N, C-alpha and C. Protein backbone atom coordinates (compact mmCIF):
# COMPACT_ATOMS: atom_id res chain seq x y z
N UNK A 1 -13.07 6.90 0.52
CA UNK A 1 -12.14 7.49 -0.44
C UNK A 1 -11.61 6.43 -1.38
N UNK A 2 -12.46 5.83 -2.15
CA UNK A 2 -12.01 4.77 -3.04
C UNK A 2 -11.00 5.25 -4.09
N UNK A 3 -10.97 6.53 -4.39
CA UNK A 3 -10.02 7.00 -5.40
C UNK A 3 -8.55 6.85 -4.91
N UNK A 4 -8.38 6.61 -3.63
CA UNK A 4 -7.02 6.45 -3.08
C UNK A 4 -6.47 5.01 -3.20
N UNK A 5 -7.31 4.14 -3.79
CA UNK A 5 -6.91 2.73 -4.00
C UNK A 5 -7.01 2.39 -5.49
N UNK A 6 -6.33 1.33 -5.88
CA UNK A 6 -6.39 0.86 -7.26
C UNK A 6 -7.64 -0.05 -7.43
N UNK A 7 -8.73 0.59 -7.71
CA UNK A 7 -10.02 -0.12 -7.81
C UNK A 7 -10.66 0.08 -9.19
N UNK A 8 -11.50 -0.86 -9.60
CA UNK A 8 -12.23 -0.68 -10.85
C UNK A 8 -13.46 0.14 -10.57
N UNK A 9 -14.37 0.31 -11.54
CA UNK A 9 -15.57 1.13 -11.41
C UNK A 9 -16.54 0.55 -10.44
N UNK A 10 -16.43 -0.75 -10.11
CA UNK A 10 -17.32 -1.40 -9.13
C UNK A 10 -16.64 -1.48 -7.75
N UNK A 11 -15.53 -0.76 -7.59
CA UNK A 11 -14.75 -0.71 -6.34
C UNK A 11 -14.15 -2.08 -6.02
N UNK A 12 -13.85 -2.89 -7.00
CA UNK A 12 -13.19 -4.16 -6.81
C UNK A 12 -11.68 -3.92 -7.08
N UNK A 13 -10.79 -4.54 -6.36
CA UNK A 13 -9.37 -4.28 -6.58
C UNK A 13 -8.86 -4.68 -7.92
N UNK A 14 -8.12 -3.78 -8.57
CA UNK A 14 -7.40 -4.12 -9.79
C UNK A 14 -6.19 -4.96 -9.47
N UNK A 15 -5.54 -4.62 -8.40
CA UNK A 15 -4.36 -5.33 -7.88
C UNK A 15 -4.49 -5.47 -6.38
N UNK A 16 -3.89 -6.53 -5.85
CA UNK A 16 -3.89 -6.79 -4.40
C UNK A 16 -2.45 -7.08 -3.97
N UNK A 17 -2.26 -7.03 -2.68
CA UNK A 17 -0.95 -7.30 -2.10
C UNK A 17 -0.71 -8.81 -2.01
N UNK A 18 0.55 -9.18 -2.12
CA UNK A 18 0.96 -10.57 -2.02
C UNK A 18 2.42 -10.69 -2.41
N UNK A 19 2.95 -11.89 -2.42
CA UNK A 19 4.31 -12.14 -2.84
C UNK A 19 4.34 -13.43 -3.65
N UNK A 20 5.29 -13.55 -4.54
CA UNK A 20 5.37 -14.74 -5.37
C UNK A 20 5.86 -15.95 -4.60
N UNK A 21 5.88 -17.10 -5.24
CA UNK A 21 6.34 -18.38 -4.63
C UNK A 21 7.76 -18.19 -4.12
N UNK A 22 8.03 -18.80 -3.00
CA UNK A 22 9.41 -18.83 -2.44
C UNK A 22 9.53 -20.04 -1.56
N UNK A 23 10.60 -20.09 -0.76
CA UNK A 23 10.81 -21.27 0.07
C UNK A 23 9.75 -21.46 1.14
N UNK A 24 8.92 -20.45 1.41
CA UNK A 24 7.88 -20.58 2.41
C UNK A 24 6.52 -21.01 1.84
N UNK A 25 6.33 -20.74 0.58
CA UNK A 25 5.05 -21.08 -0.03
C UNK A 25 5.21 -21.34 -1.52
N UNK A 26 4.86 -22.52 -1.95
CA UNK A 26 5.00 -22.89 -3.38
C UNK A 26 4.06 -22.12 -4.29
N UNK A 27 2.94 -21.64 -3.74
CA UNK A 27 1.97 -20.90 -4.56
C UNK A 27 2.02 -19.40 -4.29
N UNK A 28 2.95 -18.93 -3.53
CA UNK A 28 3.05 -17.51 -3.17
C UNK A 28 2.04 -17.21 -2.02
N UNK A 29 2.03 -15.97 -1.65
CA UNK A 29 1.09 -15.52 -0.58
C UNK A 29 0.20 -14.45 -1.19
N UNK A 30 -1.05 -14.67 -1.12
CA UNK A 30 -2.02 -13.77 -1.65
C UNK A 30 -2.80 -13.13 -0.46
N UNK A 31 -2.44 -11.90 -0.12
CA UNK A 31 -3.03 -11.27 1.05
C UNK A 31 -4.37 -10.64 0.72
N UNK A 32 -4.54 -10.14 -0.50
CA UNK A 32 -5.85 -9.71 -0.93
C UNK A 32 -6.26 -8.28 -0.66
N UNK A 33 -5.49 -7.53 0.14
CA UNK A 33 -5.90 -6.17 0.37
C UNK A 33 -5.57 -5.29 -0.86
N UNK A 34 -6.44 -4.33 -1.17
CA UNK A 34 -6.21 -3.48 -2.35
C UNK A 34 -4.97 -2.61 -2.16
N UNK A 35 -4.34 -2.20 -3.28
CA UNK A 35 -3.17 -1.37 -3.17
C UNK A 35 -3.54 0.10 -3.30
N UNK A 36 -2.71 0.93 -2.70
CA UNK A 36 -2.92 2.36 -2.79
C UNK A 36 -2.64 2.82 -4.18
N UNK A 37 -3.33 3.88 -4.57
CA UNK A 37 -3.08 4.59 -5.84
C UNK A 37 -2.12 5.70 -5.48
N UNK A 38 -0.82 5.43 -5.52
CA UNK A 38 0.18 6.42 -5.08
C UNK A 38 0.17 7.71 -5.90
N UNK A 39 -0.02 7.63 -7.22
CA UNK A 39 -0.10 8.92 -7.96
C UNK A 39 -1.25 9.81 -7.43
N UNK A 40 -2.38 9.20 -7.08
CA UNK A 40 -3.49 9.97 -6.51
C UNK A 40 -3.15 10.56 -5.17
N UNK A 41 -2.48 9.77 -4.31
CA UNK A 41 -2.04 10.26 -2.99
C UNK A 41 -1.13 11.46 -3.21
N UNK A 42 -0.17 11.31 -4.12
CA UNK A 42 0.75 12.41 -4.36
C UNK A 42 0.02 13.66 -4.87
N UNK A 43 -0.92 13.49 -5.79
CA UNK A 43 -1.75 14.55 -6.35
C UNK A 43 -2.45 15.32 -5.23
N UNK A 44 -2.88 14.59 -4.21
CA UNK A 44 -3.58 15.23 -3.04
C UNK A 44 -2.65 15.68 -1.94
N UNK A 45 -1.31 15.64 -2.24
CA UNK A 45 -0.33 16.09 -1.25
C UNK A 45 -0.23 15.17 -0.06
N UNK A 46 -0.55 13.92 -0.25
CA UNK A 46 -0.54 12.90 0.81
C UNK A 46 -1.40 13.30 2.01
N UNK A 47 -2.44 14.07 1.74
CA UNK A 47 -3.30 14.61 2.80
C UNK A 47 -3.92 13.54 3.68
N UNK A 48 -4.32 12.42 3.08
CA UNK A 48 -4.93 11.32 3.86
C UNK A 48 -3.93 10.79 4.89
N UNK A 49 -2.69 10.58 4.46
CA UNK A 49 -1.64 10.08 5.37
C UNK A 49 -1.30 11.10 6.43
N UNK A 50 -1.16 12.34 6.02
CA UNK A 50 -0.83 13.37 7.01
C UNK A 50 -1.92 13.49 8.05
N UNK A 51 -3.13 13.49 7.63
CA UNK A 51 -4.30 13.55 8.55
C UNK A 51 -4.27 12.34 9.49
N UNK A 52 -4.04 11.16 8.92
CA UNK A 52 -4.02 9.94 9.74
C UNK A 52 -2.95 9.99 10.81
N UNK A 53 -1.75 10.50 10.43
CA UNK A 53 -0.69 10.63 11.43
C UNK A 53 -0.98 11.66 12.46
N UNK A 54 -1.48 12.82 12.00
CA UNK A 54 -1.85 13.88 12.97
C UNK A 54 -2.88 13.40 13.95
N UNK A 55 -3.91 12.70 13.52
CA UNK A 55 -4.93 12.18 14.39
C UNK A 55 -4.34 11.17 15.36
N UNK A 56 -3.43 10.38 14.90
CA UNK A 56 -2.79 9.34 15.78
C UNK A 56 -2.07 10.02 16.95
N UNK A 57 -1.35 11.14 16.66
CA UNK A 57 -0.61 11.83 17.70
C UNK A 57 -1.47 12.51 18.71
N UNK A 58 -2.75 12.65 18.41
CA UNK A 58 -3.69 13.21 19.39
C UNK A 58 -4.00 12.21 20.52
N UNK A 59 -3.80 10.93 20.23
CA UNK A 59 -4.08 9.91 21.26
C UNK A 59 -2.92 9.04 21.65
N UNK A 60 -1.80 9.14 20.90
CA UNK A 60 -0.63 8.34 21.21
C UNK A 60 0.60 9.23 21.33
N UNK A 61 1.51 8.86 22.21
CA UNK A 61 2.79 9.58 22.33
C UNK A 61 3.82 9.12 21.32
N UNK A 62 3.68 7.84 20.91
CA UNK A 62 4.61 7.24 19.97
C UNK A 62 3.79 6.56 18.88
N UNK A 63 4.21 6.74 17.64
CA UNK A 63 3.50 6.11 16.51
C UNK A 63 4.44 5.09 15.87
N UNK A 64 3.99 3.89 15.72
CA UNK A 64 4.73 2.81 15.09
C UNK A 64 4.09 2.49 13.77
N UNK A 65 4.85 2.56 12.71
CA UNK A 65 4.32 2.20 11.40
C UNK A 65 4.90 0.81 11.05
N UNK A 66 4.03 -0.20 11.18
CA UNK A 66 4.41 -1.55 10.83
C UNK A 66 4.50 -1.70 9.32
N UNK A 67 5.41 -2.59 8.90
CA UNK A 67 5.54 -2.87 7.48
C UNK A 67 5.88 -1.61 6.65
N UNK A 68 6.71 -0.75 7.23
CA UNK A 68 7.01 0.49 6.52
C UNK A 68 7.75 0.25 5.21
N UNK A 69 8.33 -0.92 5.06
CA UNK A 69 9.04 -1.28 3.80
C UNK A 69 8.07 -1.13 2.62
N UNK A 70 6.80 -1.31 2.86
CA UNK A 70 5.80 -1.19 1.77
C UNK A 70 5.69 0.21 1.20
N UNK A 71 6.25 1.20 1.91
CA UNK A 71 6.26 2.57 1.36
C UNK A 71 7.27 2.70 0.24
N UNK A 72 8.32 1.88 0.29
CA UNK A 72 9.37 2.05 -0.72
C UNK A 72 9.28 1.00 -1.82
N UNK A 73 8.85 -0.20 -1.53
CA UNK A 73 8.65 -1.19 -2.58
C UNK A 73 7.70 -2.29 -2.06
N UNK A 74 7.01 -2.89 -3.01
CA UNK A 74 6.03 -3.87 -2.64
C UNK A 74 5.70 -4.75 -3.86
N UNK A 75 4.99 -5.82 -3.63
CA UNK A 75 4.55 -6.72 -4.70
C UNK A 75 3.10 -6.49 -4.99
N UNK A 76 2.75 -6.55 -6.24
CA UNK A 76 1.31 -6.51 -6.59
C UNK A 76 0.94 -7.73 -7.37
N UNK A 77 -0.30 -8.15 -7.14
CA UNK A 77 -0.85 -9.36 -7.79
C UNK A 77 -2.13 -8.95 -8.48
N UNK A 78 -2.39 -9.48 -9.64
CA UNK A 78 -3.65 -9.17 -10.33
C UNK A 78 -4.84 -9.44 -9.36
N UNK A 79 -5.77 -8.52 -9.34
CA UNK A 79 -6.89 -8.62 -8.41
C UNK A 79 -7.80 -9.82 -8.67
N UNK A 80 -7.70 -10.45 -9.80
CA UNK A 80 -8.51 -11.63 -10.11
C UNK A 80 -7.78 -12.92 -9.87
N UNK A 81 -6.53 -12.88 -9.49
CA UNK A 81 -5.72 -14.09 -9.31
C UNK A 81 -6.17 -14.91 -8.14
N UNK A 82 -6.09 -16.24 -8.28
CA UNK A 82 -6.39 -17.15 -7.17
C UNK A 82 -5.18 -17.40 -6.29
N UNK A 83 -4.00 -17.36 -6.93
CA UNK A 83 -2.75 -17.53 -6.21
C UNK A 83 -1.75 -16.46 -6.69
N UNK A 84 -0.71 -16.27 -5.94
CA UNK A 84 0.28 -15.23 -6.29
C UNK A 84 1.45 -15.78 -7.04
N UNK A 85 1.44 -17.07 -7.32
CA UNK A 85 2.59 -17.73 -7.92
C UNK A 85 3.06 -17.11 -9.23
N UNK A 86 2.13 -16.74 -10.09
CA UNK A 86 2.49 -16.32 -11.45
C UNK A 86 2.29 -14.84 -11.71
N UNK A 87 1.47 -14.18 -10.93
CA UNK A 87 1.05 -12.83 -11.22
C UNK A 87 1.74 -11.75 -10.39
N UNK A 88 2.64 -12.10 -9.55
CA UNK A 88 3.23 -11.09 -8.64
C UNK A 88 4.36 -10.33 -9.38
N UNK A 89 4.35 -9.01 -9.24
CA UNK A 89 5.42 -8.19 -9.76
C UNK A 89 5.86 -7.18 -8.70
N UNK A 90 7.18 -6.92 -8.65
CA UNK A 90 7.72 -6.04 -7.66
C UNK A 90 7.72 -4.60 -8.18
N UNK A 91 7.21 -3.73 -7.36
CA UNK A 91 7.16 -2.30 -7.72
C UNK A 91 7.95 -1.49 -6.71
N UNK A 92 8.70 -0.56 -7.14
CA UNK A 92 9.45 0.29 -6.25
C UNK A 92 8.77 1.66 -6.16
N UNK A 93 8.84 2.27 -5.06
CA UNK A 93 8.33 3.61 -4.84
C UNK A 93 9.30 4.37 -3.96
N UNK A 94 9.28 5.70 -4.09
CA UNK A 94 10.15 6.44 -3.22
C UNK A 94 9.38 6.71 -1.89
N UNK A 95 10.07 7.31 -0.99
CA UNK A 95 9.46 7.52 0.35
C UNK A 95 8.95 8.93 0.54
N UNK A 96 8.51 9.59 -0.59
CA UNK A 96 8.05 10.93 -0.48
C UNK A 96 6.87 11.13 0.46
N UNK A 97 6.02 10.12 0.58
CA UNK A 97 4.89 10.21 1.54
C UNK A 97 5.40 10.36 2.95
N UNK A 98 6.44 9.64 3.32
CA UNK A 98 7.01 9.82 4.70
C UNK A 98 7.66 11.15 4.84
N UNK A 99 8.29 11.60 3.78
CA UNK A 99 8.93 12.95 3.83
C UNK A 99 7.88 14.04 3.99
N UNK A 100 6.76 13.90 3.30
CA UNK A 100 5.67 14.88 3.39
C UNK A 100 5.10 14.86 4.79
N UNK A 101 4.97 13.72 5.39
CA UNK A 101 4.42 13.57 6.74
C UNK A 101 5.39 14.25 7.77
N UNK A 102 6.65 14.10 7.54
CA UNK A 102 7.67 14.63 8.47
C UNK A 102 7.57 16.16 8.53
N UNK A 103 7.24 16.78 7.39
CA UNK A 103 7.10 18.25 7.34
C UNK A 103 6.04 18.75 8.30
N UNK A 104 5.09 17.90 8.62
CA UNK A 104 3.97 18.31 9.44
C UNK A 104 4.13 17.89 10.92
N UNK A 105 5.26 17.25 11.22
CA UNK A 105 5.46 16.78 12.60
C UNK A 105 6.09 17.85 13.49
């Protein structure tokens, strides 16, 4: 489902996750994973997330979502960047995906 990520026509990331320079890293942290295309997820009613959570509850009694802060805000870095020092920008998002998932629980 490449349409659920911010990818170019060759399926290479337009933007990746990371954070700018701070006291922990002078060049920032470039994690490299592609970012979700949240408008596309919303357009699809967050079906991918809802399905993922429903499937998880078939095998687990408790579901832990690590790094849930990324649902509300996150940093994006240009997909061609070598370091995150200059290209990181903070994006905010609402938590509508989690609200949509809750309706199905």
